[in-house]
C-alpha atoms as a PDB file:
ATOM      1  CA  UNK A   1     -81.235-214.849 -21.547  1.00  0.00           C
ATOM      2  CA  UNK A   2     -79.373-216.599 -24.351  1.00  0.00           C
ATOM      3  CA  UNK A   3     -79.041-215.860 -28.041  1.00  0.00           C
ATOM      4  CA  UNK A   4     -76.963-217.253 -30.882  1.00  0.00           C
ATOM      5  CA  UNK A   5     -75.980-214.532 -33.330  1.00  0.00           C
ATOM      6  CA  UNK A   6     -73.756-215.238 -36.327  1.00  0.00           C
ATOM      7  CA  UNK A   7     -72.649-218.511 -34.767  1.00  0.00           C
ATOM      8  CA  UNK A   8     -71.701-217.011 -31.388  1.00  0.00           C
ATOM      9  CA  UNK A   9     -73.575-217.787 -28.153  1.00  0.00           C
ATOM     10  CA  UNK A  10     -74.323-214.834 -25.883  1.00  0.00           C
ATOM     11  CA  UNK A  11     -75.533-215.816 -22.406  1.00  0.00           C
ATOM     12  CA  UNK A  12     -76.300-213.363 -19.624  1.00  0.00           C
ATOM     13  CA  UNK A  13     -75.791-216.149 -17.051  1.00  0.00           C
ATOM     14  CA  UNK A  14     -72.201-216.853 -18.158  1.00  0.00           C
ATOM     15  CA  UNK A  15     -70.990-213.349 -19.037  1.00  0.00           C
ATOM     16  CA  UNK A  16     -69.821-210.659 -16.627  1.00  0.00           C
ATOM     17  CA  UNK A  17     -72.234-207.800 -16.011  1.00  0.00           C
ATOM     18  CA  UNK A  18     -70.369-204.524 -16.465  1.00  0.00           C
ATOM     19  CA  UNK A  19     -72.977-201.756 -16.165  1.00  0.00           C
ATOM     20  CA  UNK A  20     -76.631-200.962 -16.701  1.00  0.00           C
ATOM     21  CA  UNK A  21     -78.801-198.004 -17.686  1.00  0.00           C
ATOM     22  CA  UNK A  22     -82.505-197.328 -17.937  1.00  0.00           C
ATOM     23  CA  UNK A  23     -84.938-194.765 -19.243  1.00  0.00           C
ATOM     24  CA  UNK A  24     -85.975-193.571 -15.793  1.00  0.00           C
ATOM     25  CA  UNK A  25     -89.598-194.484 -16.482  1.00  0.00           C
ATOM     26  CA  UNK A  26     -91.657-196.945 -14.452  1.00  0.00           C
ATOM     27  CA  UNK A  27     -91.467-200.490 -15.845  1.00  0.00           C
ATOM     28  CA  UNK A  28     -95.197-200.402 -16.664  1.00  0.00           C
ATOM     29  CA  UNK A  29     -94.719-197.344 -18.918  1.00  0.00           C
ATOM     30  CA  UNK A  30     -94.759-198.312 -22.625  1.00  0.00           C
ATOM     31  CA  UNK A  31     -91.614-196.205 -23.291  1.00  0.00           C
ATOM     32  CA  UNK A  32     -89.620-197.777 -20.425  1.00  0.00           C
ATOM     33  CA  UNK A  33     -86.374-199.552 -21.309  1.00  0.00           C
ATOM     34  CA  UNK A  34     -83.387-201.035 -19.501  1.00  0.00           C
ATOM     35  CA  UNK A  35     -80.024-202.156 -20.867  1.00  0.00           C
ATOM     36  CA  UNK A  36     -77.263-204.188 -19.267  1.00  0.00           C
ATOM     37  CA  UNK A  37     -73.773-204.294 -20.752  1.00  0.00           C
ATOM     38  CA  UNK A  38     -71.947-207.629 -20.551  1.00  0.00           C
ATOM     39  CA  UNK A  39     -68.497-208.921 -21.440  1.00  0.00           C
ATOM     40  CA  UNK A  40     -67.979-212.592 -22.276  1.00  0.00           C
ATOM     41  CA  UNK A  41     -65.063-214.737 -21.084  1.00  0.00           C
ATOM     42  CA  UNK A  42     -63.637-214.468 -24.609  1.00  0.00           C
ATOM     43  CA  UNK A  43     -63.746-210.649 -24.474  1.00  0.00           C
ATOM     44  CA  UNK A  44     -66.823-210.013 -26.587  1.00  0.00           C
ATOM     45  CA  UNK A  45     -69.299-207.299 -25.608  1.00  0.00           C
ATOM     46  CA  UNK A  46     -73.083-207.366 -25.773  1.00  0.00           C
ATOM     47  CA  UNK A  47     -76.152-205.592 -24.478  1.00  0.00           C
ATOM     48  CA  UNK A  48     -79.207-207.273 -23.091  1.00  0.00           C
ATOM     49  CA  UNK A  49     -82.035-204.800 -23.530  1.00  0.00           C
ATOM     50  CA  UNK A  50     -85.685-204.947 -22.664  1.00  0.00           C
ATOM     51  CA  UNK A  51     -88.488-202.466 -22.707  1.00  0.00           C
ATOM     52  CA  UNK A  52     -92.104-201.534 -23.102  1.00  0.00           C
ATOM     53  CA  UNK A  53     -94.224-201.719 -26.222  1.00  0.00           C
ATOM     54  CA  UNK A  54     -93.253-198.224 -27.419  1.00  0.00           C
ATOM     55  CA  UNK A  55     -89.584-198.454 -26.484  1.00  0.00           C
ATOM     56  CA  UNK A  56     -86.735-199.356 -28.827  1.00  0.00           C
ATOM     57  CA  UNK A  57     -87.191-202.951 -27.629  1.00  0.00           C
ATOM     58  CA  UNK A  58     -90.916-203.144 -28.359  1.00  0.00           C
ATOM     59  CA  UNK A  59     -91.996-205.847 -30.790  1.00  0.00           C
ATOM     60  CA  UNK A  60     -94.718-205.606 -33.404  1.00  0.00           C
ATOM     61  CA  UNK A  61     -97.116-208.497 -33.831  1.00  0.00           C
ATOM     62  CA  UNK A  62     -99.619-207.735 -36.545  1.00  0.00           C
ATOM     63  CA  UNK A  63    -101.232-204.455 -35.567  1.00  0.00           C
ATOM     64  CA  UNK A  64    -100.159-204.709 -31.908  1.00  0.00           C
ATOM     65  CA  UNK A  65     -96.995-203.609 -30.147  1.00  0.00           C
ATOM     66  CA  UNK A  66     -95.758-205.630 -27.186  1.00  0.00           C
ATOM     67  CA  UNK A  67     -92.910-205.349 -24.685  1.00  0.00           C
ATOM     68  CA  UNK A  68     -89.765-207.094 -25.876  1.00  0.00           C
ATOM     69  CA  UNK A  69     -86.162-207.961 -25.169  1.00  0.00           C
ATOM     70  CA  UNK A  70     -83.105-208.886 -27.192  1.00  0.00           C
ATOM     71  CA  UNK A  71     -79.357-209.294 -27.148  1.00  0.00           C
ATOM     72  CA  UNK A  72     -77.220-206.991 -29.278  1.00  0.00           C
ATOM     73  CA  UNK A  73     -73.528-207.787 -29.929  1.00  0.00           C
ATOM     74  CA  UNK A  74     -71.204-204.765 -29.657  1.00  0.00           C
ATOM     75  CA  UNK A  75     -67.726-203.958 -30.900  1.00  0.00           C
ATOM     76  CA  UNK A  76     -65.106-202.638 -28.450  1.00  0.00           C
ATOM     77  CA  UNK A  77     -65.787-199.160 -29.831  1.00  0.00           C
ATOM     78  CA  UNK A  78     -69.565-199.549 -29.355  1.00  0.00           C
ATOM     79  CA  UNK A  79     -69.062-200.708 -25.748  1.00  0.00           C
ATOM     80  CA  UNK A  80     -66.721-197.769 -25.071  1.00  0.00           C
ATOM     81  CA  UNK A  81     -69.256-195.309 -26.496  1.00  0.00           C
ATOM     82  CA  UNK A  82     -72.113-196.912 -24.522  1.00  0.00           C
ATOM     83  CA  UNK A  83     -70.175-196.602 -21.236  1.00  0.00           C
ATOM     84  CA  UNK A  84     -69.166-193.038 -22.083  1.00  0.00           C
ATOM     85  CA  UNK A  85     -72.757-192.045 -22.978  1.00  0.00           C
ATOM     86  CA  UNK A  86     -74.107-193.508 -19.726  1.00  0.00           C
ATOM     87  CA  UNK A  87     -71.422-192.003 -17.483  1.00  0.00           C
ATOM     88  CA  UNK A  88     -69.765-195.285 -16.538  1.00  0.00           C
ATOM     89  CA  UNK A  89     -66.396-193.666 -15.758  1.00  0.00           C
ATOM     90  CA  UNK A  90     -65.161-196.336 -13.325  1.00  0.00           C
ATOM     91  CA  UNK A  91     -65.985-199.169 -15.726  1.00  0.00           C
ATOM     92  CA  UNK A  92     -64.297-197.311 -18.593  1.00  0.00           C
ATOM     93  CA  UNK A  93     -61.128-196.711 -16.596  1.00  0.00           C
ATOM     94  CA  UNK A  94     -61.034-200.294 -15.308  1.00  0.00           C
ATOM     95  CA  UNK A  95     -61.796-202.084 -18.574  1.00  0.00           C
ATOM     96  CA  UNK A  96     -60.475-199.700 -21.226  1.00  0.00           C
ATOM     97  CA  UNK A  97     -58.104-197.409 -19.358  1.00  0.00           C
ATOM     98  CA  UNK A  98     -55.317-197.834 -21.920  1.00  0.00           C
ATOM     99  CA  UNK A  99     -57.547-196.202 -24.530  1.00  0.00           C
ATOM    100  CA  UNK A 100     -58.222-193.072 -22.457  1.00  0.00           C
ATOM    101  CA  UNK A 101     -55.962-190.020 -22.559  1.00  0.00           C
ATOM    102  CA  UNK A 102     -55.768-187.156 -20.079  1.00  0.00           C
ATOM    103  CA  UNK A 103     -57.151-183.871 -21.419  1.00  0.00           C
END
């Protein structure tokens, strides 16, 4: 999937896939969602998300809700928080290890 947002092109085919997460629901469930975190060659982060009609990626068309997908640019901090929230410890240590302190 490709998107141009604020003059920047985000392309899932050209970026590096870092991690993914999903709702745990079957893909036919209206609340199902899946997100994949990517990093571009220039160091920018983005999510490609998709989901059912009643998920955060659902799209409204008139009075109907449909499955949808979109690309969401992220800051370094947003990407860090996403990886932390989804338990992506290895990815965090590999990609942002200098920002992590021992407890």
